[in-house]
């Protein structure tokens, strides 16, 4: 018997994650798309609704998008129940510049802070302007993550886009992950494989 497995006390969420990993499944409310959990985000449970729409079509986890569909920034809607609660939204490429050699990962494509609950990203402060995805090789994982802020004007933009680290950024700015959605993107005439 493994001492650490038998004697470790876990809360309900941690126990759910532990059991799910042990059984190689994930709970329905825990998002683990293509290895994003652990690679871009720490484990979490969705607690606020988040939707991202491109051309009035909601982005669903794992869908494939082409750069021509992402020329304009997505419309990002945030749930919650109190306008005095503020959120930060980031959009990153987990595979820049290519999935087989992601030495620029994570690449920050967009950041909006001070988004009031029950509104959209257009009500927040765009602190890193939207840069449309243009993957040159392979299928890239893009993550839109939503974080709860401690208050208004408590989050500041990073100095650069490349080698951004979502988890470290959240820790430095006292942000709590509350929701995410992800999609895949490849060049217009992509090869269709994960690693090209």
C-alpha atoms as a PDB file:
ATOM      1  CA  UNK A   1       0.000   0.000   0.000  1.00  0.00           C
ATOM      2  CA  UNK A   2       1.320   3.425  -0.903  1.00  0.00           C
ATOM      3  CA  UNK A   3       1.592   5.594   2.197  1.00  0.00           C
ATOM      4  CA  UNK A   4       0.892   8.883   0.353  1.00  0.00           C
ATOM      5  CA  UNK A   5      -2.250   7.568  -1.356  1.00  0.00           C
ATOM      6  CA  UNK A   6      -3.833   6.203   1.823  1.00  0.00           C
ATOM      7  CA  UNK A   7      -3.014   9.024   4.253  1.00  0.00           C
ATOM      8  CA  UNK A   8      -3.523  12.134   2.119  1.00  0.00           C
ATOM      9  CA  UNK A   9      -6.584  14.197   3.038  1.00  0.00           C
ATOM     10  CA  UNK A  10      -8.289  15.784   0.086  1.00  0.00           C
ATOM     11  CA  UNK A  11     -11.239  18.120  -0.326  1.00  0.00           C
ATOM     12  CA  UNK A  12     -14.121  17.176  -2.665  1.00  0.00           C
ATOM     13  CA  UNK A  13     -12.611  18.899  -5.721  1.00  0.00           C
ATOM     14  CA  UNK A  14      -9.103  17.551  -5.131  1.00  0.00           C
ATOM     15  CA  UNK A  15     -10.518  14.074  -4.486  1.00  0.00           C
ATOM     16  CA  UNK A  16     -12.537  14.282  -7.697  1.00  0.00           C
ATOM     17  CA  UNK A  17      -9.443  15.319  -9.654  1.00  0.00           C
ATOM     18  CA  UNK A  18      -7.311  12.641  -7.982  1.00  0.00           C
ATOM     19  CA  UNK A  19      -9.826   9.881  -8.662  1.00  0.00           C
ATOM     20  CA  UNK A  20     -10.390  11.077 -12.200  1.00  0.00           C
ATOM     21  CA  UNK A  21      -6.683  11.091 -13.007  1.00  0.00           C
ATOM     22  CA  UNK A  22      -6.308   7.668 -11.380  1.00  0.00           C
ATOM     23  CA  UNK A  23      -9.166   6.350 -13.558  1.00  0.00           C
ATOM     24  CA  UNK A  24      -7.935   8.362 -16.565  1.00  0.00           C
ATOM     25  CA  UNK A  25     -11.188  10.341 -16.844  1.00  0.00           C
ATOM     26  CA  UNK A  26     -12.044  13.925 -16.018  1.00  0.00           C
ATOM     27  CA  UNK A  27     -15.117  15.260 -14.189  1.00  0.00           C
ATOM     28  CA  UNK A  28     -17.606  17.025 -16.446  1.00  0.00           C
ATOM     29  CA  UNK A  29     -16.979  20.412 -14.834  1.00  0.00           C
ATOM     30  CA  UNK A  30     -13.173  20.111 -14.958  1.00  0.00           C
ATOM     31  CA  UNK A  31     -11.754  21.176 -18.286  1.00  0.00           C
ATOM     32  CA  UNK A  32      -8.734  19.237 -19.568  1.00  0.00           C
ATOM     33  CA  UNK A  33      -8.553  19.829 -23.290  1.00  0.00           C
ATOM     34  CA  UNK A  34      -5.575  18.298 -25.035  1.00  0.00           C
ATOM     35  CA  UNK A  35      -3.318  18.650 -22.027  1.00  0.00           C
ATOM     36  CA  UNK A  36      -4.112  22.291 -21.311  1.00  0.00           C
ATOM     37  CA  UNK A  37      -4.494  21.498 -17.610  1.00  0.00           C
ATOM     38  CA  UNK A  38      -0.980  21.316 -16.263  1.00  0.00           C
ATOM     39  CA  UNK A  39       0.473  22.829 -19.433  1.00  0.00           C
ATOM     40  CA  UNK A  40      -1.288  26.219 -19.417  1.00  0.00           C
ATOM     41  CA  UNK A  41      -3.716  26.158 -16.481  1.00  0.00           C
ATOM     42  CA  UNK A  42      -3.713  24.634 -13.026  1.00  0.00           C
ATOM     43  CA  UNK A  43      -6.572  22.238 -12.247  1.00  0.00           C
ATOM     44  CA  UNK A  44      -9.824  24.054 -11.499  1.00  0.00           C
ATOM     45  CA  UNK A  45     -13.589  23.759 -11.599  1.00  0.00           C
ATOM     46  CA  UNK A  46     -15.653  26.084 -13.796  1.00  0.00           C
ATOM     47  CA  UNK A  47     -17.555  28.418 -11.467  1.00  0.00           C
ATOM     48  CA  UNK A  48     -18.591  31.260 -13.800  1.00  0.00           C
ATOM     49  CA  UNK A  49     -20.149  30.978 -17.243  1.00  0.00           C
ATOM     50  CA  UNK A  50     -17.930  31.975 -20.164  1.00  0.00           C
ATOM     51  CA  UNK A  51     -18.779  31.982 -23.844  1.00  0.00           C
ATOM     52  CA  UNK A  52     -16.695  33.058 -26.807  1.00  0.00           C
ATOM     53  CA  UNK A  53     -18.334  33.691 -30.164  1.00  0.00           C
ATOM     54  CA  UNK A  54     -16.840  34.111 -33.621  1.00  0.00           C
ATOM     55  CA  UNK A  55     -19.226  35.364 -36.293  1.00  0.00           C
ATOM     56  CA  UNK A  56     -22.153  34.586 -33.946  1.00  0.00           C
ATOM     57  CA  UNK A  57     -20.994  30.959 -33.587  1.00  0.00           C
ATOM     58  CA  UNK A  58     -20.031  29.819 -30.109  1.00  0.00           C
ATOM     59  CA  UNK A  59     -16.580  28.308 -29.792  1.00  0.00           C
ATOM     60  CA  UNK A  60     -16.893  24.846 -28.303  1.00  0.00           C
ATOM     61  CA  UNK A  61     -14.000  23.091 -26.613  1.00  0.00           C
ATOM     62  CA  UNK A  62     -11.778  21.417 -29.157  1.00  0.00           C
ATOM     63  CA  UNK A  63     -13.285  22.934 -32.280  1.00  0.00           C
ATOM     64  CA  UNK A  64     -10.986  23.685 -35.221  1.00  0.00           C
ATOM     65  CA  UNK A  65     -10.723  27.283 -36.420  1.00  0.00           C
ATOM     66  CA  UNK A  66      -8.865  28.757 -39.380  1.00  0.00           C
ATOM     67  CA  UNK A  67      -6.994  32.099 -39.203  1.00  0.00           C
ATOM     68  CA  UNK A  68      -9.503  33.660 -41.611  1.00  0.00           C
ATOM     69  CA  UNK A  69     -12.232  33.050 -39.005  1.00  0.00           C
ATOM     70  CA  UNK A  70     -10.184  34.756 -36.297  1.00  0.00           C
ATOM     71  CA  UNK A  71      -9.249  38.017 -38.012  1.00  0.00           C
ATOM     72  CA  UNK A  72     -11.561  39.870 -35.625  1.00  0.00           C
ATOM     73  CA  UNK A  73     -11.462  39.256 -31.901  1.00  0.00           C
ATOM     74  CA  UNK A  74     -14.045  36.899 -30.450  1.00  0.00           C
ATOM     75  CA  UNK A  75     -17.002  38.272 -28.523  1.00  0.00           C
ATOM     76  CA  UNK A  76     -16.428  37.017 -24.997  1.00  0.00           C
ATOM     77  CA  UNK A  77     -19.362  36.974 -22.566  1.00  0.00           C
ATOM     78  CA  UNK A  78     -18.861  36.615 -18.839  1.00  0.00           C
ATOM     79  CA  UNK A  79     -21.381  35.332 -16.301  1.00  0.00           C
ATOM     80  CA  UNK A  80     -21.480  35.959 -12.597  1.00  0.00           C
ATOM     81  CA  UNK A  81     -24.055  37.735 -10.514  1.00  0.00           C
ATOM     82  CA  UNK A  82     -22.526  40.944  -9.172  1.00  0.00           C
ATOM     83  CA  UNK A  83     -21.392  43.874 -11.337  1.00  0.00           C
ATOM     84  CA  UNK A  84     -18.925  44.771  -8.564  1.00  0.00           C
ATOM     85  CA  UNK A  85     -16.962  41.585  -9.311  1.00  0.00           C
ATOM     86  CA  UNK A  86     -14.265  41.985 -11.968  1.00  0.00           C
ATOM     87  CA  UNK A  87     -12.535  39.490 -14.210  1.00  0.00           C
ATOM     88  CA  UNK A  88      -9.426  39.261 -16.371  1.00  0.00           C
ATOM     89  CA  UNK A  89      -9.546  37.354 -19.648  1.00  0.00           C
ATOM     90  CA  UNK A  90      -6.462  36.089 -21.463  1.00  0.00           C
ATOM     91  CA  UNK A  91      -6.112  34.325 -24.801  1.00  0.00           C
ATOM     92  CA  UNK A  92      -2.886  32.393 -25.352  1.00  0.00           C
ATOM     93  CA  UNK A  93      -1.326  30.089 -27.920  1.00  0.00           C
ATOM     94  CA  UNK A  94       0.082  27.095 -26.045  1.00  0.00           C
ATOM     95  CA  UNK A  95       2.110  25.942 -29.076  1.00  0.00           C
ATOM     96  CA  UNK A  96       3.961  28.977 -30.453  1.00  0.00           C
ATOM     97  CA  UNK A  97       5.635  29.006 -32.893  1.00  0.00           C
ATOM     98  CA  UNK A  98       4.929  25.319 -33.643  1.00  0.00           C
ATOM     99  CA  UNK A  99       3.637  22.333 -31.639  1.00  0.00           C
ATOM    100  CA  UNK A 100       6.854  20.402 -32.255  1.00  0.00           C
ATOM    101  CA  UNK A 101       9.041  23.313 -31.078  1.00  0.00           C
ATOM    102  CA  UNK A 102       6.986  25.606 -28.799  1.00  0.00           C
ATOM    103  CA  UNK A 103       9.902  27.743 -27.586  1.00  0.00           C
ATOM    104  CA  UNK A 104       7.756  30.926 -27.486  1.00  0.00           C
ATOM    105  CA  UNK A 105       4.899  29.318 -25.542  1.00  0.00           C
ATOM    106  CA  UNK A 106       2.735  30.662 -24.243  1.00  0.00           C
ATOM    107  CA  UNK A 107       2.164  33.470 -26.723  1.00  0.00           C
ATOM    108  CA  UNK A 108      -0.264  36.091 -25.419  1.00  0.00           C
ATOM    109  CA  UNK A 109      -2.739  37.092 -28.132  1.00  0.00           C
ATOM    110  CA  UNK A 110      -5.136  39.163 -26.039  1.00  0.00           C
ATOM    111  CA  UNK A 111      -5.764  40.393 -22.508  1.00  0.00           C
ATOM    112  CA  UNK A 112      -8.696  42.327 -21.076  1.00  0.00           C
ATOM    113  CA  UNK A 113      -8.912  43.300 -17.401  1.00  0.00           C
ATOM    114  CA  UNK A 114     -11.639  44.807 -15.225  1.00  0.00           C
ATOM    115  CA  UNK A 115     -14.512  43.027 -16.993  1.00  0.00           C
ATOM    116  CA  UNK A 116     -17.602  43.422 -14.797  1.00  0.00           C
ATOM    117  CA  UNK A 117     -19.598  40.256 -14.101  1.00  0.00           C
ATOM    118  CA  UNK A 118     -22.646  39.671 -16.326  1.00  0.00           C
ATOM    119  CA  UNK A 119     -21.119  41.684 -19.207  1.00  0.00           C
ATOM    120  CA  UNK A 120     -18.641  41.077 -22.015  1.00  0.00           C
ATOM    121  CA  UNK A 121     -14.970  41.765 -22.647  1.00  0.00           C
ATOM    122  CA  UNK A 122     -15.968  44.954 -24.473  1.00  0.00           C
ATOM    123  CA  UNK A 123     -16.822  46.458 -21.048  1.00  0.00           C
ATOM    124  CA  UNK A 124     -13.306  45.833 -19.704  1.00  0.00           C
ATOM    125  CA  UNK A 125      -9.895  47.402 -20.330  1.00  0.00           C
ATOM    126  CA  UNK A 126      -8.036  45.937 -23.283  1.00  0.00           C
ATOM    127  CA  UNK A 127      -4.497  46.035 -21.879  1.00  0.00           C
ATOM    128  CA  UNK A 128      -2.964  43.776 -24.548  1.00  0.00           C
ATOM    129  CA  UNK A 129      -4.570  44.409 -27.909  1.00  0.00           C
ATOM    130  CA  UNK A 130      -5.946  41.477 -29.879  1.00  0.00           C
ATOM    131  CA  UNK A 131      -3.520  39.858 -32.307  1.00  0.00           C
ATOM    132  CA  UNK A 132      -5.189  37.370 -34.610  1.00  0.00           C
ATOM    133  CA  UNK A 133      -3.723  33.853 -34.703  1.00  0.00           C
ATOM    134  CA  UNK A 134      -1.564  32.966 -37.700  1.00  0.00           C
ATOM    135  CA  UNK A 135      -0.110  29.517 -37.058  1.00  0.00           C
ATOM    136  CA  UNK A 136       2.486  28.519 -39.633  1.00  0.00           C
ATOM    137  CA  UNK A 137       2.842  24.825 -38.755  1.00  0.00           C
ATOM    138  CA  UNK A 138       0.753  22.223 -37.004  1.00  0.00           C
ATOM    139  CA  UNK A 139      -2.423  22.516 -35.004  1.00  0.00           C
ATOM    140  CA  UNK A 140      -2.110  25.043 -32.198  1.00  0.00           C
ATOM    141  CA  UNK A 141      -4.048  24.935 -28.932  1.00  0.00           C
ATOM    142  CA  UNK A 142      -5.575  28.294 -28.038  1.00  0.00           C
ATOM    143  CA  UNK A 143      -6.943  28.910 -24.560  1.00  0.00           C
ATOM    144  CA  UNK A 144      -9.279  31.677 -23.457  1.00  0.00           C
ATOM    145  CA  UNK A 145      -9.143  31.755 -19.665  1.00  0.00           C
ATOM    146  CA  UNK A 146     -11.170  33.844 -17.250  1.00  0.00           C
ATOM    147  CA  UNK A 147      -9.872  34.845 -13.821  1.00  0.00           C
ATOM    148  CA  UNK A 148     -11.585  36.534 -10.904  1.00  0.00           C
ATOM    149  CA  UNK A 149      -9.752  39.664  -9.737  1.00  0.00           C
ATOM    150  CA  UNK A 150      -9.377  40.915  -6.156  1.00  0.00           C
ATOM    151  CA  UNK A 151     -10.883  44.230  -7.262  1.00  0.00           C
ATOM    152  CA  UNK A 152     -10.844  46.849  -9.987  1.00  0.00           C
ATOM    153  CA  UNK A 153      -7.470  48.131 -11.253  1.00  0.00           C
ATOM    154  CA  UNK A 154      -5.495  45.342  -9.585  1.00  0.00           C
ATOM    155  CA  UNK A 155      -4.121  43.630 -12.719  1.00  0.00           C
ATOM    156  CA  UNK A 156      -1.397  45.045 -14.946  1.00  0.00           C
ATOM    157  CA  UNK A 157      -0.290  44.112 -18.448  1.00  0.00           C
ATOM    158  CA  UNK A 158       2.882  42.101 -18.951  1.00  0.00           C
ATOM    159  CA  UNK A 159       5.841  43.642 -20.779  1.00  0.00           C
ATOM    160  CA  UNK A 160       5.791  41.197 -23.696  1.00  0.00           C
ATOM    161  CA  UNK A 161       3.637  38.620 -25.441  1.00  0.00           C
ATOM    162  CA  UNK A 162       6.052  35.725 -26.000  1.00  0.00           C
ATOM    163  CA  UNK A 163       6.913  33.285 -23.205  1.00  0.00           C
ATOM    164  CA  UNK A 164       3.902  34.458 -21.225  1.00  0.00           C
ATOM    165  CA  UNK A 165       3.004  32.085 -18.393  1.00  0.00           C
ATOM    166  CA  UNK A 166      -0.694  32.112 -17.525  1.00  0.00           C
ATOM    167  CA  UNK A 167      -0.281  30.309 -14.211  1.00  0.00           C
ATOM    168  CA  UNK A 168       2.542  32.578 -13.017  1.00  0.00           C
ATOM    169  CA  UNK A 169       0.702  35.687 -14.185  1.00  0.00           C
ATOM    170  CA  UNK A 170      -2.375  34.619 -12.227  1.00  0.00           C
ATOM    171  CA  UNK A 171      -0.305  33.970  -9.106  1.00  0.00           C
ATOM    172  CA  UNK A 172       1.522  37.316  -9.289  1.00  0.00           C
ATOM    173  CA  UNK A 173      -1.754  39.214  -9.755  1.00  0.00           C
ATOM    174  CA  UNK A 174      -3.756  37.217  -7.164  1.00  0.00           C
ATOM    175  CA  UNK A 175      -6.132  35.909  -9.819  1.00  0.00           C
ATOM    176  CA  UNK A 176      -8.347  32.844  -9.419  1.00  0.00           C
ATOM    177  CA  UNK A 177      -9.217  30.783 -12.498  1.00  0.00           C
ATOM    178  CA  UNK A 178     -12.997  30.456 -12.848  1.00  0.00           C
ATOM    179  CA  UNK A 179     -13.573  29.361 -16.464  1.00  0.00           C
ATOM    180  CA  UNK A 180     -11.910  28.561 -19.758  1.00  0.00           C
ATOM    181  CA  UNK A 181     -12.648  27.535 -23.293  1.00  0.00           C
ATOM    182  CA  UNK A 182     -10.186  26.292 -25.851  1.00  0.00           C
ATOM    183  CA  UNK A 183     -10.008  25.767 -29.568  1.00  0.00           C
ATOM    184  CA  UNK A 184      -7.528  24.505 -32.106  1.00  0.00           C
ATOM    185  CA  UNK A 185      -6.230  26.583 -34.991  1.00  0.00           C
ATOM    186  CA  UNK A 186      -4.168  25.648 -38.013  1.00  0.00           C
ATOM    187  CA  UNK A 187      -3.129  27.465 -41.165  1.00  0.00           C
ATOM    188  CA  UNK A 188      -5.730  27.777 -43.926  1.00  0.00           C
ATOM    189  CA  UNK A 189      -4.401  24.765 -45.813  1.00  0.00           C
ATOM    190  CA  UNK A 190      -3.331  22.855 -42.711  1.00  0.00           C
ATOM    191  CA  UNK A 191      -2.170  19.269 -42.822  1.00  0.00           C
ATOM    192  CA  UNK A 192      -4.685  18.147 -40.185  1.00  0.00           C
ATOM    193  CA  UNK A 193      -2.163  16.446 -37.884  1.00  0.00           C
ATOM    194  CA  UNK A 194      -1.303  17.559 -34.349  1.00  0.00           C
ATOM    195  CA  UNK A 195       2.413  17.718 -35.062  1.00  0.00           C
ATOM    196  CA  UNK A 196       3.430  18.806 -38.552  1.00  0.00           C
END
